[in-house]
Amino acid sequence: LPLAEIRYIESYNHSIIVHQTEGDRTYFLSLSDFEKQMPRDQFCRCHNSYLVNMDYVEEIGRTELSLRGGARLPIGRAYYKALQSAFIRYLNR
């Protein structure tokens, strides 16, 4: 999978859905296992069920984030501070 085309990854029904710029693909893999394979400076967990590509993040609010293209993802309370820090590091690289 070309990393630049992955917008975000969603955990759903014991598998993951990789949301790409040109459609979605489903894989039978856990989100945690997929996260371990992704570059930490580009992908960040924003919710228990979502992993987001920082290249597509437009805005981070308190409870949700906006992606280029209009998608909105929830932000879990446990992930908020780490997401903010990761986004600042991403912007300053």
C-alpha atoms as a PDB file:
ATOM      1  CA  LEU A   1       0.000   0.000   0.000  1.00  0.00           C
ATOM      2  CA  PRO A   2       1.368   3.442  -0.856  1.00  0.00           C
ATOM      3  CA  LEU A   3       1.391   5.304   2.475  1.00  0.00           C
ATOM      4  CA  ALA A   4       0.700   8.654   0.824  1.00  0.00           C
ATOM      5  CA  GLU A   5      -2.686   7.379  -0.396  1.00  0.00           C
ATOM      6  CA  ILE A   6      -3.891   6.198   3.033  1.00  0.00           C
ATOM      7  CA  ARG A   7      -6.136   8.838   4.644  1.00  0.00           C
ATOM      8  CA  TYR A   8      -7.055   6.859   7.765  1.00  0.00           C
ATOM      9  CA  ILE A   9      -7.559   3.321   9.030  1.00  0.00           C
ATOM     10  CA  GLU A  10     -10.677   2.210  10.861  1.00  0.00           C
ATOM     11  CA  SER A  11     -11.097  -0.863  13.033  1.00  0.00           C
ATOM     12  CA  TYR A  12     -14.376  -2.611  12.243  1.00  0.00           C
ATOM     13  CA  ASN A  13     -15.733  -6.042  13.119  1.00  0.00           C
ATOM     14  CA  HIS A  14     -12.382  -7.782  13.846  1.00  0.00           C
ATOM     15  CA  SER A  15     -10.738  -6.327  10.735  1.00  0.00           C
ATOM     16  CA  ILE A  16      -9.533  -2.965   9.468  1.00  0.00           C
ATOM     17  CA  ILE A  17     -10.782  -0.739   6.682  1.00  0.00           C
ATOM     18  CA  VAL A  18      -8.052   1.265   4.984  1.00  0.00           C
ATOM     19  CA  HIS A  19      -9.618   4.464   3.654  1.00  0.00           C
ATOM     20  CA  GLN A  20      -7.546   5.573   0.678  1.00  0.00           C
ATOM     21  CA  THR A  21      -7.823   8.454  -1.761  1.00  0.00           C
ATOM     22  CA  GLU A  22      -9.097   6.012  -4.410  1.00  0.00           C
ATOM     23  CA  GLY A  23     -11.476   3.858  -2.354  1.00  0.00           C
ATOM     24  CA  ASP A  24     -11.452   1.558   0.649  1.00  0.00           C
ATOM     25  CA  ARG A  25      -9.882  -1.844   1.266  1.00  0.00           C
ATOM     26  CA  THR A  26     -10.583  -4.322   4.048  1.00  0.00           C
ATOM     27  CA  TYR A  27      -7.923  -6.505   5.684  1.00  0.00           C
ATOM     28  CA  PHE A  28      -8.188  -9.137   8.396  1.00  0.00           C
ATOM     29  CA  LEU A  29      -5.663  -7.592  10.760  1.00  0.00           C
ATOM     30  CA  SER A  30      -5.913  -5.785  14.080  1.00  0.00           C
ATOM     31  CA  LEU A  31      -5.501  -2.021  14.189  1.00  0.00           C
ATOM     32  CA  SER A  32      -2.704  -2.407  16.748  1.00  0.00           C
ATOM     33  CA  ASP A  33      -0.743  -4.741  14.459  1.00  0.00           C
ATOM     34  CA  PHE A  34      -1.202  -2.370  11.522  1.00  0.00           C
ATOM     35  CA  GLU A  35      -0.155   0.602  13.670  1.00  0.00           C
ATOM     36  CA  LYS A  36       3.134  -1.111  14.590  1.00  0.00           C
ATOM     37  CA  GLN A  37       4.036  -1.287  10.877  1.00  0.00           C
ATOM     38  CA  MET A  38       3.338   2.401  10.166  1.00  0.00           C
ATOM     39  CA  PRO A  39       5.869   5.250  10.584  1.00  0.00           C
ATOM     40  CA  ARG A  40       5.192   6.919  13.957  1.00  0.00           C
ATOM     41  CA  ASP A  41       5.880  10.401  12.631  1.00  0.00           C
ATOM     42  CA  GLN A  42       3.204  10.090   9.936  1.00  0.00           C
ATOM     43  CA  PHE A  43       0.418   8.025  11.530  1.00  0.00           C
ATOM     44  CA  CYS A  44      -1.185   8.620  14.917  1.00  0.00           C
ATOM     45  CA  ARG A  45      -3.946   6.961  16.886  1.00  0.00           C
ATOM     46  CA  CYS A  46      -6.780   9.435  17.503  1.00  0.00           C
ATOM     47  CA  HIS A  47      -9.348   6.996  18.890  1.00  0.00           C
ATOM     48  CA  ASN A  48      -9.521   3.380  19.956  1.00  0.00           C
ATOM     49  CA  SER A  49     -10.896   2.556  16.486  1.00  0.00           C
ATOM     50  CA  TYR A  50      -8.994   5.017  14.258  1.00  0.00           C
ATOM     51  CA  LEU A  51      -5.455   5.639  13.052  1.00  0.00           C
ATOM     52  CA  VAL A  52      -4.988   8.823  11.026  1.00  0.00           C
ATOM     53  CA  ASN A  53      -2.419   9.906   8.435  1.00  0.00           C
ATOM     54  CA  MET A  54      -1.147  13.336   9.540  1.00  0.00           C
ATOM     55  CA  ASP A  55      -0.754  14.376   5.887  1.00  0.00           C
ATOM     56  CA  TYR A  56      -4.554  14.658   5.649  1.00  0.00           C
ATOM     57  CA  VAL A  57      -5.371  16.375   8.967  1.00  0.00           C
ATOM     58  CA  GLU A  58      -6.709  19.905   8.518  1.00  0.00           C
ATOM     59  CA  GLU A  59      -7.937  20.749  12.000  1.00  0.00           C
ATOM     60  CA  ILE A  60      -7.980  19.205  15.471  1.00  0.00           C
ATOM     61  CA  GLY A  61     -10.840  20.048  17.810  1.00  0.00           C
ATOM     62  CA  ARG A  62     -11.513  18.810  21.316  1.00  0.00           C
ATOM     63  CA  THR A  63     -13.681  15.841  20.338  1.00  0.00           C
ATOM     64  CA  GLU A  64     -13.064  15.380  16.604  1.00  0.00           C
ATOM     65  CA  LEU A  65     -10.651  16.142  13.799  1.00  0.00           C
ATOM     66  CA  SER A  66     -11.244  17.194  10.198  1.00  0.00           C
ATOM     67  CA  LEU A  67      -9.473  15.721   7.213  1.00  0.00           C
ATOM     68  CA  ARG A  68      -8.927  17.136   3.751  1.00  0.00           C
ATOM     69  CA  GLY A  69     -11.872  15.966   1.698  1.00  0.00           C
ATOM     70  CA  GLY A  70     -14.402  16.565   4.465  1.00  0.00           C
ATOM     71  CA  ALA A  71     -14.133  13.407   6.596  1.00  0.00           C
ATOM     72  CA  ARG A  72     -14.432  13.884  10.359  1.00  0.00           C
ATOM     73  CA  LEU A  73     -13.038  11.415  12.889  1.00  0.00           C
ATOM     74  CA  PRO A  74     -13.693  11.217  16.624  1.00  0.00           C
ATOM     75  CA  ILE A  75     -10.902  11.887  19.109  1.00  0.00           C
ATOM     76  CA  GLY A  76     -10.893   9.678  22.180  1.00  0.00           C
ATOM     77  CA  ARG A  77     -10.190  11.397  25.501  1.00  0.00           C
ATOM     78  CA  ALA A  78      -7.258   9.067  26.160  1.00  0.00           C
ATOM     79  CA  TYR A  79      -5.642  10.009  22.817  1.00  0.00           C
ATOM     80  CA  TYR A  80      -6.177  13.795  22.755  1.00  0.00           C
ATOM     81  CA  LYS A  81      -2.886  14.973  24.294  1.00  0.00           C
ATOM     82  CA  ALA A  82      -0.738  12.507  22.358  1.00  0.00           C
ATOM     83  CA  LEU A  83      -2.509  13.481  19.132  1.00  0.00           C
ATOM     84  CA  GLN A  84      -1.917  17.182  19.757  1.00  0.00           C
ATOM     85  CA  SER A  85       1.779  16.583  20.461  1.00  0.00           C
ATOM     86  CA  ALA A  86       2.162  14.373  17.398  1.00  0.00           C
ATOM     87  CA  PHE A  87       0.461  16.972  15.186  1.00  0.00           C
ATOM     88  CA  ILE A  88       2.753  19.753  16.444  1.00  0.00           C
ATOM     89  CA  ARG A  89       5.822  17.550  15.843  1.00  0.00           C
ATOM     90  CA  TYR A  90       4.483  16.728  12.376  1.00  0.00           C
ATOM     91  CA  LEU A  91       4.014  20.430  11.514  1.00  0.00           C
ATOM     92  CA  ASN A  92       7.507  21.334  12.755  1.00  0.00           C
ATOM     93  CA  ARG A  93       9.438  18.617  10.923  1.00  0.00           C
END
